[in-house]
Amino acid sequence: MDYRKIAASSNTETRDVMELAETVGNVYEMVMIISKRANQLSIEMKQDLDAKLQEFASYTDNLEEVFENHEQIEISRFYEKLPKPSLLAIEEWNENEIYYRNPAKEKEMFG
């Protein structure tokens, strides 16, 4: 899933938590699912940003020379403007794009 294409709002919105939790039936379980997905997105975004910034890395030990790279600044600004991972995860939840399973519930059903 490409997190850059998710149409999540960058602003904070008030949401009805009980309505969001209807598919799972438990607010705490829904919060855990969304938080784990937000963590995954955060890690993915961090790795992507690090990979792009690695292209501009300078391996010289000269502290006197500080280069201002405009491309690097633009990449950083782009990532700063993206919605937060938690907002992306909530949008994925609303679109039913998050796959989740609960092994404890599966054990009760089949065990």
C-alpha atoms as a PDB file:
ATOM      1  CA  MET A   1       0.000   0.000   0.000  1.00  0.00           C
ATOM      2  CA  ASP A   2       1.344   3.376  -0.984  1.00  0.00           C
ATOM      3  CA  TYR A   3       0.814   5.735   1.931  1.00  0.00           C
ATOM      4  CA  ARG A   4       1.347   8.752  -0.350  1.00  0.00           C
ATOM      5  CA  LYS A   5      -1.883   7.984  -2.225  1.00  0.00           C
ATOM      6  CA  ILE A   6      -4.168   7.698   0.810  1.00  0.00           C
ATOM      7  CA  ALA A   7      -6.555  10.639   0.960  1.00  0.00           C
ATOM      8  CA  ALA A   8      -6.328  11.144   4.705  1.00  0.00           C
ATOM      9  CA  SER A   9      -6.956  14.516   6.257  1.00  0.00           C
ATOM     10  CA  SER A  10      -3.957  16.229   7.797  1.00  0.00           C
ATOM     11  CA  ASN A  11      -6.173  17.980  10.312  1.00  0.00           C
ATOM     12  CA  THR A  12      -7.521  16.577  13.530  1.00  0.00           C
ATOM     13  CA  GLU A  13     -11.166  15.524  13.336  1.00  0.00           C
ATOM     14  CA  THR A  14     -13.627  14.395  15.953  1.00  0.00           C
ATOM     15  CA  ARG A  15     -14.652  10.804  15.296  1.00  0.00           C
ATOM     16  CA  ASP A  16     -17.304   8.575  16.820  1.00  0.00           C
ATOM     17  CA  VAL A  17     -15.194   5.824  18.360  1.00  0.00           C
ATOM     18  CA  MET A  18     -18.159   3.526  18.913  1.00  0.00           C
ATOM     19  CA  GLU A  19     -19.064   3.759  15.227  1.00  0.00           C
ATOM     20  CA  LEU A  20     -15.471   3.003  14.213  1.00  0.00           C
ATOM     21  CA  ALA A  21     -15.401  -0.048  16.503  1.00  0.00           C
ATOM     22  CA  GLU A  22     -18.619  -1.599  15.148  1.00  0.00           C
ATOM     23  CA  THR A  23     -16.789  -4.010  12.832  1.00  0.00           C
ATOM     24  CA  VAL A  24     -14.707  -5.435  15.688  1.00  0.00           C
ATOM     25  CA  GLY A  25     -17.169  -4.927  18.521  1.00  0.00           C
ATOM     26  CA  ASN A  26     -14.513  -3.789  20.962  1.00  0.00           C
ATOM     27  CA  VAL A  27     -13.088  -0.268  21.136  1.00  0.00           C
ATOM     28  CA  TYR A  28      -9.806  -1.399  22.699  1.00  0.00           C
ATOM     29  CA  GLU A  29      -9.234  -4.033  20.029  1.00  0.00           C
ATOM     30  CA  MET A  30      -9.905  -1.459  17.299  1.00  0.00           C
ATOM     31  CA  VAL A  31      -7.450   0.981  18.898  1.00  0.00           C
ATOM     32  CA  MET A  32      -4.789  -1.746  19.046  1.00  0.00           C
ATOM     33  CA  ILE A  33      -5.316  -2.675  15.383  1.00  0.00           C
ATOM     34  CA  ILE A  34      -5.109   0.949  14.261  1.00  0.00           C
ATOM     35  CA  SER A  35      -2.085   1.663  16.461  1.00  0.00           C
ATOM     36  CA  LYS A  36      -0.182  -1.364  15.139  1.00  0.00           C
ATOM     37  CA  ARG A  37      -0.934  -0.305  11.568  1.00  0.00           C
ATOM     38  CA  ALA A  38       0.152   3.266  12.351  1.00  0.00           C
ATOM     39  CA  ASN A  39       3.410   1.846  13.720  1.00  0.00           C
ATOM     40  CA  GLN A  40       3.948  -0.118  10.496  1.00  0.00           C
ATOM     41  CA  LEU A  41       3.287   2.987   8.400  1.00  0.00           C
ATOM     42  CA  SER A  42       5.632   5.057  10.558  1.00  0.00           C
ATOM     43  CA  ILE A  43       8.456   2.556  10.099  1.00  0.00           C
ATOM     44  CA  GLU A  44       7.819   2.370   6.348  1.00  0.00           C
ATOM     45  CA  MET A  45       7.831   6.171   6.027  1.00  0.00           C
ATOM     46  CA  LYS A  46      11.024   6.462   8.088  1.00  0.00           C
ATOM     47  CA  GLN A  47      12.827   3.853   5.977  1.00  0.00           C
ATOM     48  CA  ASP A  48      11.659   5.514   2.764  1.00  0.00           C
ATOM     49  CA  LEU A  49      12.829   8.950   3.935  1.00  0.00           C
ATOM     50  CA  ASP A  50      16.168   7.562   5.151  1.00  0.00           C
ATOM     51  CA  ALA A  51      16.741   5.849   1.793  1.00  0.00           C
ATOM     52  CA  LYS A  52      16.080   9.071  -0.106  1.00  0.00           C
ATOM     53  CA  LEU A  53      18.235  11.179   2.207  1.00  0.00           C
ATOM     54  CA  GLN A  54      21.050   8.616   2.044  1.00  0.00           C
ATOM     55  CA  GLU A  55      21.633   9.706  -1.569  1.00  0.00           C
ATOM     56  CA  PHE A  56      22.735  13.105  -0.256  1.00  0.00           C
ATOM     57  CA  ALA A  57      24.935  11.785   2.542  1.00  0.00           C
ATOM     58  CA  SER A  58      28.397  13.231   2.744  1.00  0.00           C
ATOM     59  CA  TYR A  59      31.086  11.063   4.269  1.00  0.00           C
ATOM     60  CA  THR A  60      33.703  13.749   4.773  1.00  0.00           C
ATOM     61  CA  ASP A  61      34.779  14.641   8.279  1.00  0.00           C
ATOM     62  CA  ASN A  62      35.133  18.340   7.607  1.00  0.00           C
ATOM     63  CA  LEU A  63      32.916  20.198  10.072  1.00  0.00           C
ATOM     64  CA  GLU A  64      33.671  23.580   8.505  1.00  0.00           C
ATOM     65  CA  GLU A  65      31.902  22.791   5.260  1.00  0.00           C
ATOM     66  CA  VAL A  66      28.130  22.720   5.532  1.00  0.00           C
ATOM     67  CA  PHE A  67      26.285  22.304   2.280  1.00  0.00           C
ATOM     68  CA  GLU A  68      22.686  23.339   1.881  1.00  0.00           C
ATOM     69  CA  ASN A  69      21.087  20.985  -0.591  1.00  0.00           C
ATOM     70  CA  HIS A  70      17.751  22.267  -1.879  1.00  0.00           C
ATOM     71  CA  GLU A  71      16.626  18.845  -3.146  1.00  0.00           C
ATOM     72  CA  GLN A  72      17.175  17.389   0.308  1.00  0.00           C
ATOM     73  CA  ILE A  73      15.173  20.227   1.856  1.00  0.00           C
ATOM     74  CA  GLU A  74      12.298  19.656  -0.587  1.00  0.00           C
ATOM     75  CA  ILE A  75      12.200  15.924   0.204  1.00  0.00           C
ATOM     76  CA  SER A  76      12.100  16.672   3.924  1.00  0.00           C
ATOM     77  CA  ARG A  77       9.305  19.215   3.446  1.00  0.00           C
ATOM     78  CA  PHE A  78       7.299  16.705   1.419  1.00  0.00           C
ATOM     79  CA  TYR A  79       7.470  14.164   4.238  1.00  0.00           C
ATOM     80  CA  GLU A  80       6.620  16.816   6.828  1.00  0.00           C
ATOM     81  CA  LYS A  81       3.432  17.693   4.917  1.00  0.00           C
ATOM     82  CA  LEU A  82       2.218  14.100   4.745  1.00  0.00           C
ATOM     83  CA  PRO A  83      -0.552  13.147   7.180  1.00  0.00           C
ATOM     84  CA  LYS A  84       0.589  11.481  10.380  1.00  0.00           C
ATOM     85  CA  PRO A  85       0.705   7.656  10.374  1.00  0.00           C
ATOM     86  CA  SER A  86      -2.170   7.479  12.855  1.00  0.00           C
ATOM     87  CA  LEU A  87      -4.407   9.497  10.509  1.00  0.00           C
ATOM     88  CA  LEU A  88      -3.395   7.276   7.590  1.00  0.00           C
ATOM     89  CA  ALA A  89      -4.208   4.168   9.632  1.00  0.00           C
ATOM     90  CA  ILE A  90      -7.628   5.532  10.608  1.00  0.00           C
ATOM     91  CA  GLU A  91      -8.384   6.263   6.958  1.00  0.00           C
ATOM     92  CA  GLU A  92      -7.343   2.710   6.015  1.00  0.00           C
ATOM     93  CA  TRP A  93      -9.619   1.424   8.796  1.00  0.00           C
ATOM     94  CA  ASN A  94     -12.541   3.435   7.432  1.00  0.00           C
ATOM     95  CA  GLU A  95     -11.918   2.024   3.948  1.00  0.00           C
ATOM     96  CA  ASN A  96     -11.682  -1.573   5.325  1.00  0.00           C
ATOM     97  CA  GLU A  97      -8.148  -1.903   3.969  1.00  0.00           C
ATOM     98  CA  ILE A  98      -6.542  -3.281   7.138  1.00  0.00           C
ATOM     99  CA  TYR A  99      -6.241  -7.050   7.427  1.00  0.00           C
ATOM    100  CA  TYR A 100      -6.251  -8.240  11.009  1.00  0.00           C
ATOM    101  CA  ARG A 101      -6.867 -11.408  12.946  1.00  0.00           C
ATOM    102  CA  ASN A 102      -7.105 -12.318  16.584  1.00  0.00           C
ATOM    103  CA  PRO A 103      -5.502 -15.705  17.357  1.00  0.00           C
ATOM    104  CA  ALA A 104      -7.253 -15.857  20.750  1.00  0.00           C
ATOM    105  CA  LYS A 105     -10.675 -15.620  19.109  1.00  0.00           C
ATOM    106  CA  GLU A 106      -9.669 -18.179  16.482  1.00  0.00           C
ATOM    107  CA  LYS A 107      -8.595 -20.575  19.229  1.00  0.00           C
ATOM    108  CA  GLU A 108     -11.995 -20.186  20.936  1.00  0.00           C
ATOM    109  CA  MET A 109     -13.838 -20.902  17.698  1.00  0.00           C
ATOM    110  CA  PHE A 110     -11.759 -23.863  16.518  1.00  0.00           C
ATOM    111  CA  GLY A 111     -10.144 -25.094  19.690  1.00  0.00           C
END
